[in-house]
Amino acid sequence: SHLRLQLPNISGYLDVKYDLPFWIGAYLAYRWSFMSFGTGSGELDMPWDRGVQRHTVLWGYKITRFLTLKAGYGWQQIDDLDWELNHLRISATAHF
């Protein structure tokens, strides 16, 4: 015998980017994303995971056509948990 489950979920995101007019190559960005889980059906009649929302703000600077610097701060909230996960990321991306 094998187990048959239907595990519904929905997710999405929204990105916003603003090029700074007074600093050529620099920009600010924001991303909001979410993932929500429904109640399973079949042999699992309960929510199968916790929903999550993530927010990220970012500053970026395109130094050359091939090199970009980024610094971002993000945080996430998980349904039914009383804590947030926060992170700071700094990166340099080179394209060849």
PDB file of N, CA and C in Angstrom:
ATOM      1  N   SER A   1       0.844  -1.180   0.000  1.00  0.00           N
ATOM      2  CA  SER A   1       0.000   0.000   0.000  1.00  0.00           C
ATOM      3  C   SER A   1       0.890   1.245   0.000  1.00  0.00           C
ATOM      4  N   HIS A   2       0.402   2.302  -0.565  1.00  0.00           N
ATOM      5  CA  HIS A   2       1.164   3.554  -0.605  1.00  0.00           C
ATOM      6  C   HIS A   2       0.301   4.700  -0.081  1.00  0.00           C
ATOM      7  N   LEU A   3       0.967   5.733   0.326  1.00  0.00           N
ATOM      8  CA  LEU A   3       0.339   6.896   0.948  1.00  0.00           C
ATOM      9  C   LEU A   3       0.062   7.955  -0.112  1.00  0.00           C
ATOM     10  N   ARG A   4      -1.174   8.444  -0.184  1.00  0.00           N
ATOM     11  CA  ARG A   4      -1.532   9.511  -1.119  1.00  0.00           C
ATOM     12  C   ARG A   4      -1.923  10.759  -0.329  1.00  0.00           C
ATOM     13  N   LEU A   5      -1.236  11.850  -0.624  1.00  0.00           N
ATOM     14  CA  LEU A   5      -1.503  13.116   0.061  1.00  0.00           C
ATOM     15  C   LEU A   5      -1.658  14.228  -0.964  1.00  0.00           C
ATOM     16  N   GLN A   6      -2.485  15.195  -0.643  1.00  0.00           N
ATOM     17  CA  GLN A   6      -2.540  16.444  -1.390  1.00  0.00           C
ATOM     18  C   GLN A   6      -2.128  17.535  -0.419  1.00  0.00           C
ATOM     19  N   LEU A   7      -1.050  18.250  -0.745  1.00  0.00           N
ATOM     20  CA  LEU A   7      -0.475  19.242   0.156  1.00  0.00           C
ATOM     21  C   LEU A   7      -0.516  20.617  -0.522  1.00  0.00           C
ATOM     22  N   PRO A   8      -1.588  21.376  -0.327  1.00  0.00           N
ATOM     23  CA  PRO A   8      -1.722  22.660  -1.021  1.00  0.00           C
ATOM     24  C   PRO A   8      -0.834  23.745  -0.411  1.00  0.00           C
ATOM     25  N   ASN A   9      -0.378  24.647  -1.266  1.00  0.00           N
ATOM     26  CA  ASN A   9       0.354  25.828  -0.807  1.00  0.00           C
ATOM     27  C   ASN A   9       0.207  26.937  -1.840  1.00  0.00           C
ATOM     28  N   ILE A  10       0.541  28.135  -1.428  1.00  0.00           N
ATOM     29  CA  ILE A  10       0.548  29.285  -2.322  1.00  0.00           C
ATOM     30  C   ILE A  10       1.720  30.172  -1.915  1.00  0.00           C
ATOM     31  N   SER A  11       2.350  30.779  -2.890  1.00  0.00           N
ATOM     32  CA  SER A  11       3.464  31.669  -2.584  1.00  0.00           C
ATOM     33  C   SER A  11       3.504  32.790  -3.614  1.00  0.00           C
ATOM     34  N   GLY A  12       4.224  33.842  -3.268  1.00  0.00           N
ATOM     35  CA  GLY A  12       4.366  34.957  -4.188  1.00  0.00           C
ATOM     36  C   GLY A  12       5.373  35.953  -3.654  1.00  0.00           C
ATOM     37  N   TYR A  13       5.672  36.956  -4.484  1.00  0.00           N
ATOM     38  CA  TYR A  13       6.601  37.992  -4.060  1.00  0.00           C
ATOM     39  C   TYR A  13       6.319  39.279  -4.816  1.00  0.00           C
ATOM     40  N   LEU A  14       6.846  40.355  -4.275  1.00  0.00           N
ATOM     41  CA  LEU A  14       6.747  41.681  -4.877  1.00  0.00           C
ATOM     42  C   LEU A  14       8.120  42.326  -4.776  1.00  0.00           C
ATOM     43  N   ASP A  15       8.655  42.770  -5.903  1.00  0.00           N
ATOM     44  CA  ASP A  15       9.939  43.468  -5.947  1.00  0.00           C
ATOM     45  C   ASP A  15       9.719  44.916  -6.354  1.00  0.00           C
ATOM     46  N   VAL A  16      10.421  45.825  -5.682  1.00  0.00           N
ATOM     47  CA  VAL A  16      10.400  47.245  -6.026  1.00  0.00           C
ATOM     48  C   VAL A  16      11.847  47.714  -6.066  1.00  0.00           C
ATOM     49  N   LYS A  17      12.220  48.415  -7.140  1.00  0.00           N
ATOM     50  CA  LYS A  17      13.588  48.915  -7.282  1.00  0.00           C
ATOM     51  C   LYS A  17      13.531  50.383  -7.683  1.00  0.00           C
ATOM     52  N   TYR A  18      14.377  51.184  -7.045  1.00  0.00           N
ATOM     53  CA  TYR A  18      14.431  52.623  -7.317  1.00  0.00           C
ATOM     54  C   TYR A  18      15.871  53.018  -7.616  1.00  0.00           C
ATOM     55  N   ASP A  19      16.122  53.483  -8.835  1.00  0.00           N
ATOM     56  CA  ASP A  19      17.447  53.982  -9.206  1.00  0.00           C
ATOM     57  C   ASP A  19      17.612  55.391  -8.659  1.00  0.00           C
ATOM     58  N   LEU A  20      18.685  55.635  -7.925  1.00  0.00           N
ATOM     59  CA  LEU A  20      18.925  56.943  -7.321  1.00  0.00           C
ATOM     60  C   LEU A  20      19.358  57.945  -8.393  1.00  0.00           C
ATOM     61  N   PRO A  21      18.590  59.017  -8.606  1.00  0.00           N
ATOM     62  CA  PRO A  21      18.901  59.953  -9.688  1.00  0.00           C
ATOM     63  C   PRO A  21      20.155  60.792  -9.430  1.00  0.00           C
ATOM     64  N   PHE A  22      20.537  60.941  -8.185  1.00  0.00           N
ATOM     65  CA  PHE A  22      21.682  61.775  -7.832  1.00  0.00           C
ATOM     66  C   PHE A  22      22.982  60.976  -7.722  1.00  0.00           C
ATOM     67  N   TRP A  23      22.915  59.620  -7.917  1.00  0.00           N
ATOM     68  CA  TRP A  23      24.107  58.775  -7.803  1.00  0.00           C
ATOM     69  C   TRP A  23      24.014  57.699  -8.879  1.00  0.00           C
ATOM     70  N   ILE A  24      24.633  57.955 -10.013  1.00  0.00           N
ATOM     71  CA  ILE A  24      24.558  57.052 -11.155  1.00  0.00           C
ATOM     72  C   ILE A  24      25.099  55.671 -10.774  1.00  0.00           C
ATOM     73  N   GLY A  25      24.306  54.651 -11.033  1.00  0.00           N
ATOM     74  CA  GLY A  25      24.705  53.277 -10.748  1.00  0.00           C
ATOM     75  C   GLY A  25      24.204  52.749  -9.416  1.00  0.00           C
ATOM     76  N   ALA A  26      23.699  53.628  -8.535  1.00  0.00           N
ATOM     77  CA  ALA A  26      23.216  53.190  -7.214  1.00  0.00           C
ATOM     78  C   ALA A  26      21.703  52.994  -7.240  1.00  0.00           C
ATOM     79  N   TYR A  27      21.231  52.063  -6.428  1.00  0.00           N
ATOM     80  CA  TYR A  27      19.794  51.816  -6.355  1.00  0.00           C
ATOM     81  C   TYR A  27      19.411  51.291  -4.978  1.00  0.00           C
ATOM     82  N   LEU A  28      18.141  51.415  -4.665  1.00  0.00           N
ATOM     83  CA  LEU A  28      17.530  50.839  -3.469  1.00  0.00           C
ATOM     84  C   LEU A  28      16.479  49.839  -3.940  1.00  0.00           C
ATOM     85  N   ALA A  29      16.309  48.766  -3.191  1.00  0.00           N
ATOM     86  CA  ALA A  29      15.335  47.757  -3.576  1.00  0.00           C
ATOM     87  C   ALA A  29      14.663  47.187  -2.327  1.00  0.00           C
ATOM     88  N   TYR A  30      13.456  46.670  -2.536  1.00  0.00           N
ATOM     89  CA  TYR A  30      12.694  46.031  -1.456  1.00  0.00           C
ATOM     90  C   TYR A  30      12.018  44.794  -2.043  1.00  0.00           C
ATOM     91  N   ARG A  31      12.036  43.709  -1.297  1.00  0.00           N
ATOM     92  CA  ARG A  31      11.310  42.499  -1.699  1.00  0.00           C
ATOM     93  C   ARG A  31      10.492  41.994  -0.526  1.00  0.00           C
ATOM     94  N   TRP A  32       9.236  41.677  -0.817  1.00  0.00           N
ATOM     95  CA  TRP A  32       8.350  41.021   0.134  1.00  0.00           C
ATOM     96  C   TRP A  32       7.946  39.702  -0.504  1.00  0.00           C
ATOM     97  N   SER A  33       8.073  38.623   0.246  1.00  0.00           N
ATOM     98  CA  SER A  33       7.652  37.320  -0.259  1.00  0.00           C
ATOM     99  C   SER A  33       6.923  36.563   0.843  1.00  0.00           C
ATOM    100  N   PHE A  34       6.097  35.637   0.420  1.00  0.00           N
ATOM    101  CA  PHE A  34       5.346  34.846   1.397  1.00  0.00           C
ATOM    102  C   PHE A  34       5.161  33.431   0.865  1.00  0.00           C
ATOM    103  N   MET A  35       4.925  32.523   1.790  1.00  0.00           N
ATOM    104  CA  MET A  35       4.553  31.159   1.463  1.00  0.00           C
ATOM    105  C   MET A  35       3.542  30.717   2.512  1.00  0.00           C
ATOM    106  N   SER A  36       2.424  30.231   2.045  1.00  0.00           N
ATOM    107  CA  SER A  36       1.353  29.811   2.937  1.00  0.00           C
ATOM    108  C   SER A  36       0.971  28.366   2.615  1.00  0.00           C
ATOM    109  N   PHE A  37       0.688  27.598   3.634  1.00  0.00           N
ATOM    110  CA  PHE A  37       0.381  26.186   3.466  1.00  0.00           C
ATOM    111  C   PHE A  37      -1.036  25.906   3.923  1.00  0.00           C
ATOM    112  N   GLY A  38      -1.774  25.172   3.116  1.00  0.00           N
ATOM    113  CA  GLY A  38      -3.142  24.800   3.467  1.00  0.00           C
ATOM    114  C   GLY A  38      -3.179  23.513   4.271  1.00  0.00           C
ATOM    115  N   THR A  39      -4.381  23.064   4.532  1.00  0.00           N
ATOM    116  CA  THR A  39      -4.579  21.812   5.255  1.00  0.00           C
ATOM    117  C   THR A  39      -4.474  20.655   4.273  1.00  0.00           C
ATOM    118  N   GLY A  40      -3.684  19.678   4.621  1.00  0.00           N
ATOM    119  CA  GLY A  40      -3.525  18.518   3.759  1.00  0.00           C
ATOM    120  C   GLY A  40      -4.802  17.701   3.713  1.00  0.00           C
ATOM    121  N   SER A  41      -4.920  16.916   2.667  1.00  0.00           N
ATOM    122  CA  SER A  41      -6.071  16.018   2.579  1.00  0.00           C
ATOM    123  C   SER A  41      -5.562  14.596   2.383  1.00  0.00           C
ATOM    124  N   GLY A  42      -6.427  13.668   2.536  1.00  0.00           N
ATOM    125  CA  GLY A  42      -6.006  12.264   2.489  1.00  0.00           C
ATOM    126  C   GLY A  42      -5.721  11.823   3.909  1.00  0.00           C
ATOM    127  N   GLU A  43      -4.552  11.289   4.118  1.00  0.00           N
ATOM    128  CA  GLU A  43      -4.206  10.767   5.438  1.00  0.00           C
ATOM    129  C   GLU A  43      -3.601  11.827   6.354  1.00  0.00           C
ATOM    130  N   LEU A  44      -3.468  13.067   5.859  1.00  0.00           N
ATOM    131  CA  LEU A  44      -2.932  14.165   6.667  1.00  0.00           C
ATOM    132  C   LEU A  44      -3.977  15.277   6.705  1.00  0.00           C
ATOM    133  N   ASP A  45      -4.769  15.301   7.762  1.00  0.00           N
ATOM    134  CA  ASP A  45      -5.856  16.275   7.874  1.00  0.00           C
ATOM    135  C   ASP A  45      -5.468  17.385   8.841  1.00  0.00           C
ATOM    136  N   MET A  46      -4.373  18.091   8.530  1.00  0.00           N
ATOM    137  CA  MET A  46      -3.881  19.181   9.361  1.00  0.00           C
ATOM    138  C   MET A  46      -2.944  20.036   8.512  1.00  0.00           C
ATOM    139  N   PRO A  47      -2.662  21.284   8.930  1.00  0.00           N
ATOM    140  CA  PRO A  47      -1.681  22.081   8.177  1.00  0.00           C
ATOM    141  C   PRO A  47      -0.344  21.347   8.137  1.00  0.00           C
ATOM    142  N   TRP A  48       0.291  21.337   6.987  1.00  0.00           N
ATOM    143  CA  TRP A  48       1.500  20.524   6.838  1.00  0.00           C
ATOM    144  C   TRP A  48       2.790  21.306   6.998  1.00  0.00           C
ATOM    145  N   ASP A  49       2.707  22.625   7.175  1.00  0.00           N
ATOM    146  CA  ASP A  49       3.884  23.428   7.498  1.00  0.00           C
ATOM    147  C   ASP A  49       3.404  24.804   7.947  1.00  0.00           C
ATOM    148  N   ARG A  50       4.318  25.608   8.468  1.00  0.00           N
ATOM    149  CA  ARG A  50       3.989  26.965   8.905  1.00  0.00           C
ATOM    150  C   ARG A  50       4.244  27.949   7.775  1.00  0.00           C
ATOM    151  N   GLY A  51       3.371  28.945   7.674  1.00  0.00           N
ATOM    152  CA  GLY A  51       3.567  29.987   6.680  1.00  0.00           C
ATOM    153  C   GLY A  51       4.713  30.903   7.076  1.00  0.00           C
ATOM    154  N   VAL A  52       5.278  31.580   6.090  1.00  0.00           N
ATOM    155  CA  VAL A  52       6.403  32.468   6.344  1.00  0.00           C
ATOM    156  C   VAL A  52       6.261  33.720   5.469  1.00  0.00           C
ATOM    157  N   GLN A  53       6.665  34.854   6.034  1.00  0.00           N
ATOM    158  CA  GLN A  53       6.779  36.101   5.285  1.00  0.00           C
ATOM    159  C   GLN A  53       8.212  36.591   5.410  1.00  0.00           C
ATOM    160  N   ARG A  54       8.763  37.074   4.289  1.00  0.00           N
ATOM    161  CA  ARG A  54      10.129  37.593   4.288  1.00  0.00           C
ATOM    162  C   ARG A  54      10.135  39.010   3.728  1.00  0.00           C
ATOM    163  N   HIS A  55      10.976  39.841   4.317  1.00  0.00           N
ATOM    164  CA  HIS A  55      11.177  41.215   3.856  1.00  0.00           C
ATOM    165  C   HIS A  55      12.681  41.427   3.688  1.00  0.00           C
ATOM    166  N   THR A  56      13.066  42.079   2.601  1.00  0.00           N
ATOM    167  CA  THR A  56      14.475  42.390   2.371  1.00  0.00           C
ATOM    168  C   THR A  56      14.582  43.800   1.803  1.00  0.00           C
ATOM    169  N   VAL A  57      15.468  44.610   2.383  1.00  0.00           N
ATOM    170  CA  VAL A  57      15.813  45.919   1.829  1.00  0.00           C
ATOM    171  C   VAL A  57      17.268  45.842   1.386  1.00  0.00           C
ATOM    172  N   LEU A  58      17.576  46.512   0.279  1.00  0.00           N
ATOM    173  CA  LEU A  58      18.881  46.345  -0.336  1.00  0.00           C
ATOM    174  C   LEU A  58      19.365  47.667  -0.910  1.00  0.00           C
ATOM    175  N   TRP A  59      20.652  47.908  -0.771  1.00  0.00           N
ATOM    176  CA  TRP A  59      21.340  48.995  -1.466  1.00  0.00           C
ATOM    177  C   TRP A  59      22.315  48.336  -2.418  1.00  0.00           C
ATOM    178  N   GLY A  60      22.336  48.795  -3.652  1.00  0.00           N
ATOM    179  CA  GLY A  60      23.256  48.240  -4.629  1.00  0.00           C
ATOM    180  C   GLY A  60      23.964  49.339  -5.393  1.00  0.00           C
ATOM    181  N   TYR A  61      25.142  49.012  -5.888  1.00  0.00           N
ATOM    182  CA  TYR A  61      25.915  49.974  -6.673  1.00  0.00           C
ATOM    183  C   TYR A  61      26.635  49.235  -7.788  1.00  0.00           C
ATOM    184  N   LYS A  62      26.323  49.618  -9.010  1.00  0.00           N
ATOM    185  CA  LYS A  62      26.957  49.017 -10.184  1.00  0.00           C
ATOM    186  C   LYS A  62      28.223  49.810 -10.485  1.00  0.00           C
ATOM    187  N   ILE A  63      29.376  49.252 -10.090  1.00  0.00           N
ATOM    188  CA  ILE A  63      30.662  49.935 -10.236  1.00  0.00           C
ATOM    189  C   ILE A  63      31.058  50.019 -11.706  1.00  0.00           C
ATOM    190  N   THR A  64      30.985  48.881 -12.385  1.00  0.00           N
ATOM    191  CA  THR A  64      31.238  48.814 -13.822  1.00  0.00           C
ATOM    192  C   THR A  64      30.154  47.926 -14.426  1.00  0.00           C
ATOM    193  N   ARG A  65      30.226  47.736 -15.727  1.00  0.00           N
ATOM    194  CA  ARG A  65      29.271  46.849 -16.384  1.00  0.00           C
ATOM    195  C   ARG A  65      29.377  45.422 -15.856  1.00  0.00           C
ATOM    196  N   PHE A  66      30.526  45.072 -15.284  1.00  0.00           N
ATOM    197  CA  PHE A  66      30.789  43.698 -14.862  1.00  0.00           C
ATOM    198  C   PHE A  66      30.847  43.495 -13.342  1.00  0.00           C
ATOM    199  N   LEU A  67      30.786  44.565 -12.552  1.00  0.00           N
ATOM    200  CA  LEU A  67      30.957  44.443 -11.103  1.00  0.00           C
ATOM    201  C   LEU A  67      29.886  45.234 -10.345  1.00  0.00           C
ATOM    202  N   THR A  68      29.180  44.553  -9.437  1.00  0.00           N
ATOM    203  CA  THR A  68      28.123  45.164  -8.626  1.00  0.00           C
ATOM    204  C   THR A  68      28.363  44.857  -7.155  1.00  0.00           C
ATOM    205  N   LEU A  69      28.230  45.864  -6.304  1.00  0.00           N
ATOM    206  CA  LEU A  69      28.268  45.692  -4.846  1.00  0.00           C
ATOM    207  C   LEU A  69      26.848  45.757  -4.309  1.00  0.00           C
ATOM    208  N   LYS A  70      26.544  44.926  -3.302  1.00  0.00           N
ATOM    209  CA  LYS A  70      25.214  44.922  -2.688  1.00  0.00           C
ATOM    210  C   LYS A  70      25.340  44.761  -1.183  1.00  0.00           C
ATOM    211  N   ALA A  71      24.467  45.456  -0.457  1.00  0.00           N
ATOM    212  CA  ALA A  71      24.341  45.281   0.988  1.00  0.00           C
ATOM    213  C   ALA A  71      22.849  45.232   1.293  1.00  0.00           C
ATOM    214  N   GLY A  72      22.422  44.205   1.994  1.00  0.00           N
ATOM    215  CA  GLY A  72      21.005  44.050   2.266  1.00  0.00           C
ATOM    216  C   GLY A  72      20.742  43.570   3.677  1.00  0.00           C
ATOM    217  N   TYR A  73      19.555  43.899   4.148  1.00  0.00           N
ATOM    218  CA  TYR A  73      19.102  43.436   5.460  1.00  0.00           C
ATOM    219  C   TYR A  73      17.743  42.780   5.269  1.00  0.00           C
ATOM    220  N   GLY A  74      17.571  41.613   5.857  1.00  0.00           N
ATOM    221  CA  GLY A  74      16.316  40.903   5.712  1.00  0.00           C
ATOM    222  C   GLY A  74      15.827  40.358   7.034  1.00  0.00           C
ATOM    223  N   TRP A  75      14.533  40.161   7.096  1.00  0.00           N
ATOM    224  CA  TRP A  75      13.934  39.540   8.275  1.00  0.00           C
ATOM    225  C   TRP A  75      12.750  38.705   7.824  1.00  0.00           C
ATOM    226  N   GLN A  76      12.459  37.675   8.590  1.00  0.00           N
ATOM    227  CA  GLN A  76      11.315  36.826   8.274  1.00  0.00           C
ATOM    228  C   GLN A  76      10.524  36.507   9.525  1.00  0.00           C
ATOM    229  N   GLN A  77       9.247  36.319   9.315  1.00  0.00           N
ATOM    230  CA  GLN A  77       8.333  35.954  10.392  1.00  0.00           C
ATOM    231  C   GLN A  77       7.679  34.627  10.016  1.00  0.00           C
ATOM    232  N   ILE A  78       7.644  33.726  10.967  1.00  0.00           N
ATOM    233  CA  ILE A  78       7.052  32.415  10.738  1.00  0.00           C
ATOM    234  C   ILE A  78       5.787  32.311  11.573  1.00  0.00           C
ATOM    235  N   ASP A  79       4.689  31.883  10.930  1.00  0.00           N
ATOM    236  CA  ASP A  79       3.398  31.761  11.622  1.00  0.00           C
ATOM    237  C   ASP A  79       3.514  30.896  12.875  1.00  0.00           C
ATOM    238  N   ASP A  80       2.852  31.331  13.921  1.00  0.00           N
ATOM    239  CA  ASP A  80       2.755  30.597  15.190  1.00  0.00           C
ATOM    240  C   ASP A  80       4.078  30.466  15.939  1.00  0.00           C
ATOM    241  N   LEU A  81       5.100  31.220  15.543  1.00  0.00           N
ATOM    242  CA  LEU A  81       6.359  31.235  16.289  1.00  0.00           C
ATOM    243  C   LEU A  81       6.622  32.668  16.739  1.00  0.00           C
ATOM    244  N   ASP A  82       7.103  32.810  17.955  1.00  0.00           N
ATOM    245  CA  ASP A  82       7.309  34.135  18.537  1.00  0.00           C
ATOM    246  C   ASP A  82       8.765  34.574  18.386  1.00  0.00           C
ATOM    247  N   TRP A  83       9.294  34.526  17.161  1.00  0.00           N
ATOM    248  CA  TRP A  83      10.649  35.004  16.913  1.00  0.00           C
ATOM    249  C   TRP A  83      10.792  35.367  15.445  1.00  0.00           C
ATOM    250  N   GLU A  84      11.791  36.151  15.166  1.00  0.00           N
ATOM    251  CA  GLU A  84      12.116  36.537  13.809  1.00  0.00           C
ATOM    252  C   GLU A  84      13.537  36.092  13.496  1.00  0.00           C
ATOM    253  N   LEU A  85      13.795  35.806  12.255  1.00  0.00           N
ATOM    254  CA  LEU A  85      15.142  35.495  11.801  1.00  0.00           C
ATOM    255  C   LEU A  85      15.620  36.688  10.981  1.00  0.00           C
ATOM    256  N   ASN A  86      16.681  37.350  11.428  1.00  0.00           N
ATOM    257  CA  ASN A  86      17.213  38.532  10.765  1.00  0.00           C
ATOM    258  C   ASN A  86      18.589  38.219  10.200  1.00  0.00           C
ATOM    259  N   HIS A  87      18.935  38.872   9.096  1.00  0.00           N
ATOM    260  CA  HIS A  87      20.245  38.638   8.509  1.00  0.00           C
ATOM    261  C   HIS A  87      20.732  39.865   7.742  1.00  0.00           C
ATOM    262  N   LEU A  88      22.023  40.021   7.719  1.00  0.00           N
ATOM    263  CA  LEU A  88      22.703  41.079   6.970  1.00  0.00           C
ATOM    264  C   LEU A  88      23.578  40.400   5.932  1.00  0.00           C
ATOM    265  N   ARG A  89      23.489  40.860   4.685  1.00  0.00           N
ATOM    266  CA  ARG A  89      24.297  40.266   3.615  1.00  0.00           C
ATOM    267  C   ARG A  89      25.022  41.374   2.869  1.00  0.00           C
ATOM    268  N   ILE A  90      26.281  41.144   2.616  1.00  0.00           N
ATOM    269  CA  ILE A  90      27.101  42.058   1.816  1.00  0.00           C
ATOM    270  C   ILE A  90      27.771  41.199   0.747  1.00  0.00           C
ATOM    271  N   SER A  91      27.685  41.634  -0.511  1.00  0.00           N
ATOM    272  CA  SER A  91      28.263  40.814  -1.573  1.00  0.00           C
ATOM    273  C   SER A  91      28.801  41.672  -2.710  1.00  0.00           C
ATOM    274  N   ALA A  92      29.702  41.094  -3.448  1.00  0.00           N
ATOM    275  CA  ALA A  92      30.210  41.662  -4.691  1.00  0.00           C
ATOM    276  C   ALA A  92      29.987  40.623  -5.774  1.00  0.00           C
ATOM    277  N   THR A  93      29.410  41.035  -6.879  1.00  0.00           N
ATOM    278  CA  THR A  93      29.114  40.109  -7.977  1.00  0.00           C
ATOM    279  C   THR A  93      29.899  40.545  -9.201  1.00  0.00           C
ATOM    280  N   ALA A  94      30.660  39.610  -9.758  1.00  0.00           N
ATOM    281  CA  ALA A  94      31.430  39.874 -10.976  1.00  0.00           C
ATOM    282  C   ALA A  94      30.889  39.006 -12.095  1.00  0.00           C
ATOM    283  N   HIS A  95      30.658  39.602 -13.239  1.00  0.00           N
ATOM    284  CA  HIS A  95      30.177  38.885 -14.432  1.00  0.00           C
ATOM    285  C   HIS A  95      31.330  38.807 -15.437  1.00  0.00           C
ATOM    286  N   PHE A  96      31.544  37.627 -15.986  1.00  0.00           N
ATOM    287  CA  PHE A  96      32.613  37.441 -16.968  1.00  0.00           C
ATOM    288  C   PHE A  96      32.021  37.062 -18.297  1.00  0.00           C
TER     289      PHE A  96
END
